[in-house]
Amino acid sequence: MLYELSQFFSQFHSGFNVFQYLTLRSILGVLTALTISLIVGPRMIRYLSSYNIGQSVRDDGPESHFSKAGTPTMGGALILIAIVISTILWSDLSSRFVWVVLF
């Protein structure tokens, strides 16, 4: 999305051509995903905790694991959300390889 926008603005100012480099877009994508996870993460943990969506501990497990009961376990969803949003923002959406990876 931002890649196409930078291509449009590069017609008017040559400084936007820096977004053509894959390495820069990769770094910006990682920083965007990190920012999204740092902002959304605490809110998601509070949301999951309020609905008691957490880890269940088996009774036959070690006693040290009992303290982990109720720990939110949806961290993978947060990672996927951050990666998908970052990919949509910084990748070349006209590439079919991007769509294969996303879906």
C-alpha atoms as a PDB file:
ATOM      1  CA  MET A   1       0.000   0.000   0.000  1.00  0.00           C
ATOM      2  CA  LEU A   2       2.721   2.464   0.988  1.00  0.00           C
ATOM      3  CA  TYR A   3       4.904   1.049  -1.788  1.00  0.00           C
ATOM      4  CA  GLU A   4       2.409   2.116  -4.456  1.00  0.00           C
ATOM      5  CA  LEU A   5       2.003   5.497  -2.778  1.00  0.00           C
ATOM      6  CA  SER A   6       5.769   6.039  -2.841  1.00  0.00           C
ATOM      7  CA  GLN A   7       5.863   5.098  -6.530  1.00  0.00           C
ATOM      8  CA  PHE A   8       3.273   7.766  -7.250  1.00  0.00           C
ATOM      9  CA  PHE A   9       5.115  10.447  -5.265  1.00  0.00           C
ATOM     10  CA  SER A  10       8.461   9.536  -6.864  1.00  0.00           C
ATOM     11  CA  GLN A  11       7.167  11.204 -10.041  1.00  0.00           C
ATOM     12  CA  PHE A  12       7.190  14.525  -8.200  1.00  0.00           C
ATOM     13  CA  HIS A  13      10.162  14.120  -5.853  1.00  0.00           C
ATOM     14  CA  SER A  14      13.079  11.754  -6.448  1.00  0.00           C
ATOM     15  CA  GLY A  15      13.601  11.177  -2.712  1.00  0.00           C
ATOM     16  CA  PHE A  16      10.704   8.733  -2.691  1.00  0.00           C
ATOM     17  CA  ASN A  17      12.714   6.353  -4.896  1.00  0.00           C
ATOM     18  CA  VAL A  18      14.411   5.111  -1.722  1.00  0.00           C
ATOM     19  CA  PHE A  19      11.269   3.049  -1.049  1.00  0.00           C
ATOM     20  CA  GLN A  20      12.046   0.974  -4.158  1.00  0.00           C
ATOM     21  CA  TYR A  21      14.800  -0.792  -2.175  1.00  0.00           C
ATOM     22  CA  LEU A  22      13.653  -4.069  -0.690  1.00  0.00           C
ATOM     23  CA  THR A  23      16.067  -3.815   2.238  1.00  0.00           C
ATOM     24  CA  LEU A  24      14.611  -0.507   3.406  1.00  0.00           C
ATOM     25  CA  ARG A  25      11.055  -1.787   3.115  1.00  0.00           C
ATOM     26  CA  SER A  26      12.050  -4.933   5.032  1.00  0.00           C
ATOM     27  CA  ILE A  27      13.519  -2.893   7.876  1.00  0.00           C
ATOM     28  CA  LEU A  28      10.475  -0.625   7.958  1.00  0.00           C
ATOM     29  CA  GLY A  29       8.215  -3.686   7.908  1.00  0.00           C
ATOM     30  CA  VAL A  30       9.989  -5.186  10.916  1.00  0.00           C
ATOM     31  CA  LEU A  31       9.797  -1.883  12.793  1.00  0.00           C
ATOM     32  CA  THR A  32       6.110  -1.550  11.919  1.00  0.00           C
ATOM     33  CA  ALA A  33       5.358  -5.081  13.152  1.00  0.00           C
ATOM     34  CA  LEU A  34       7.291  -4.398  16.363  1.00  0.00           C
ATOM     35  CA  THR A  35       5.383  -1.166  16.952  1.00  0.00           C
ATOM     36  CA  ILE A  36       2.039  -2.844  16.310  1.00  0.00           C
ATOM     37  CA  SER A  37       2.844  -5.672  18.710  1.00  0.00           C
ATOM     38  CA  LEU A  38       4.011  -3.256  21.422  1.00  0.00           C
ATOM     39  CA  ILE A  39       0.869  -1.142  21.098  1.00  0.00           C
ATOM     40  CA  VAL A  40      -1.713  -3.890  20.602  1.00  0.00           C
ATOM     41  CA  GLY A  41      -0.080  -6.486  22.890  1.00  0.00           C
ATOM     42  CA  PRO A  42      -1.004  -5.071  26.314  1.00  0.00           C
ATOM     43  CA  ARG A  43      -4.535  -4.290  25.156  1.00  0.00           C
ATOM     44  CA  MET A  44      -4.947  -7.808  23.804  1.00  0.00           C
ATOM     45  CA  ILE A  45      -3.658  -9.327  27.058  1.00  0.00           C
ATOM     46  CA  ARG A  46      -6.141  -7.263  29.081  1.00  0.00           C
ATOM     47  CA  TYR A  47      -8.958  -8.247  26.714  1.00  0.00           C
ATOM     48  CA  LEU A  48      -8.119 -11.945  26.908  1.00  0.00           C
ATOM     49  CA  SER A  49      -7.742 -11.791  30.685  1.00  0.00           C
ATOM     50  CA  SER A  50     -11.117 -10.098  31.083  1.00  0.00           C
ATOM     51  CA  TYR A  51     -12.815 -12.984  29.255  1.00  0.00           C
ATOM     52  CA  ASN A  52     -10.773 -15.598  31.156  1.00  0.00           C
ATOM     53  CA  ILE A  53      -9.200 -16.938  27.978  1.00  0.00           C
ATOM     54  CA  GLY A  54      -6.103 -18.530  29.381  1.00  0.00           C
ATOM     55  CA  GLN A  55      -3.996 -21.596  29.722  1.00  0.00           C
ATOM     56  CA  SER A  56      -5.402 -24.550  31.597  1.00  0.00           C
ATOM     57  CA  VAL A  57      -2.969 -26.631  33.628  1.00  0.00           C
ATOM     58  CA  ARG A  58      -3.428 -30.373  34.035  1.00  0.00           C
ATOM     59  CA  ASP A  59      -3.712 -31.701  37.567  1.00  0.00           C
ATOM     60  CA  ASP A  60      -1.118 -34.410  36.961  1.00  0.00           C
ATOM     61  CA  GLY A  61       1.583 -31.934  35.907  1.00  0.00           C
ATOM     62  CA  PRO A  62       4.421 -30.561  38.030  1.00  0.00           C
ATOM     63  CA  GLU A  63       3.465 -28.233  40.872  1.00  0.00           C
ATOM     64  CA  SER A  64       5.620 -25.458  39.414  1.00  0.00           C
ATOM     65  CA  HIS A  65       3.198 -25.242  36.466  1.00  0.00           C
ATOM     66  CA  PHE A  66       0.179 -24.463  38.662  1.00  0.00           C
ATOM     67  CA  SER A  67       1.267 -20.826  38.945  1.00  0.00           C
ATOM     68  CA  LYS A  68       0.835 -20.476  35.167  1.00  0.00           C
ATOM     69  CA  ALA A  69      -2.889 -21.175  35.296  1.00  0.00           C
ATOM     70  CA  GLY A  70      -4.859 -18.451  33.547  1.00  0.00           C
ATOM     71  CA  THR A  71      -1.941 -17.070  31.520  1.00  0.00           C
ATOM     72  CA  PRO A  72      -3.263 -15.673  28.187  1.00  0.00           C
ATOM     73  CA  THR A  73      -2.282 -18.040  25.365  1.00  0.00           C
ATOM     74  CA  MET A  74      -3.175 -16.167  22.191  1.00  0.00           C
ATOM     75  CA  GLY A  75       0.267 -14.664  21.483  1.00  0.00           C
ATOM     76  CA  GLY A  76       0.332 -16.292  18.053  1.00  0.00           C
ATOM     77  CA  ALA A  77      -2.697 -14.268  17.001  1.00  0.00           C
ATOM     78  CA  LEU A  78      -0.882 -11.063  17.951  1.00  0.00           C
ATOM     79  CA  ILE A  79       2.165 -12.078  15.923  1.00  0.00           C
ATOM     80  CA  LEU A  80       0.045 -12.948  12.870  1.00  0.00           C
ATOM     81  CA  ILE A  81      -1.893  -9.670  13.061  1.00  0.00           C
ATOM     82  CA  ALA A  82       1.320  -7.633  13.252  1.00  0.00           C
ATOM     83  CA  ILE A  83       2.961  -9.495  10.361  1.00  0.00           C
ATOM     84  CA  VAL A  84      -0.080  -9.329   8.065  1.00  0.00           C
ATOM     85  CA  ILE A  85      -0.625  -5.597   8.633  1.00  0.00           C
ATOM     86  CA  SER A  86       3.070  -4.864   8.134  1.00  0.00           C
ATOM     87  CA  THR A  87       3.183  -6.965   4.969  1.00  0.00           C
ATOM     88  CA  ILE A  88       0.143  -5.243   3.499  1.00  0.00           C
ATOM     89  CA  LEU A  89       1.610  -1.820   4.262  1.00  0.00           C
ATOM     90  CA  TRP A  90       5.155  -2.285   2.946  1.00  0.00           C
ATOM     91  CA  SER A  91       5.091  -4.982   0.247  1.00  0.00           C
ATOM     92  CA  ASP A  92       4.496  -4.788  -3.471  1.00  0.00           C
ATOM     93  CA  LEU A  93       0.872  -5.927  -3.623  1.00  0.00           C
ATOM     94  CA  SER A  94       1.067  -6.533  -7.368  1.00  0.00           C
ATOM     95  CA  SER A  95       3.400  -9.476  -6.720  1.00  0.00           C
ATOM     96  CA  ARG A  96       1.598 -12.804  -6.677  1.00  0.00           C
ATOM     97  CA  PHE A  97       4.181 -14.201  -4.252  1.00  0.00           C
ATOM     98  CA  VAL A  98       3.005 -11.779  -1.576  1.00  0.00           C
ATOM     99  CA  TRP A  99      -0.561 -13.014  -1.954  1.00  0.00           C
ATOM    100  CA  VAL A 100       0.554 -16.653  -1.838  1.00  0.00           C
ATOM    101  CA  VAL A 101       2.332 -16.027   1.465  1.00  0.00           C
ATOM    102  CA  LEU A 102      -0.582 -14.061   2.921  1.00  0.00           C
ATOM    103  CA  PHE A 103      -3.215 -16.642   2.009  1.00  0.00           C
END
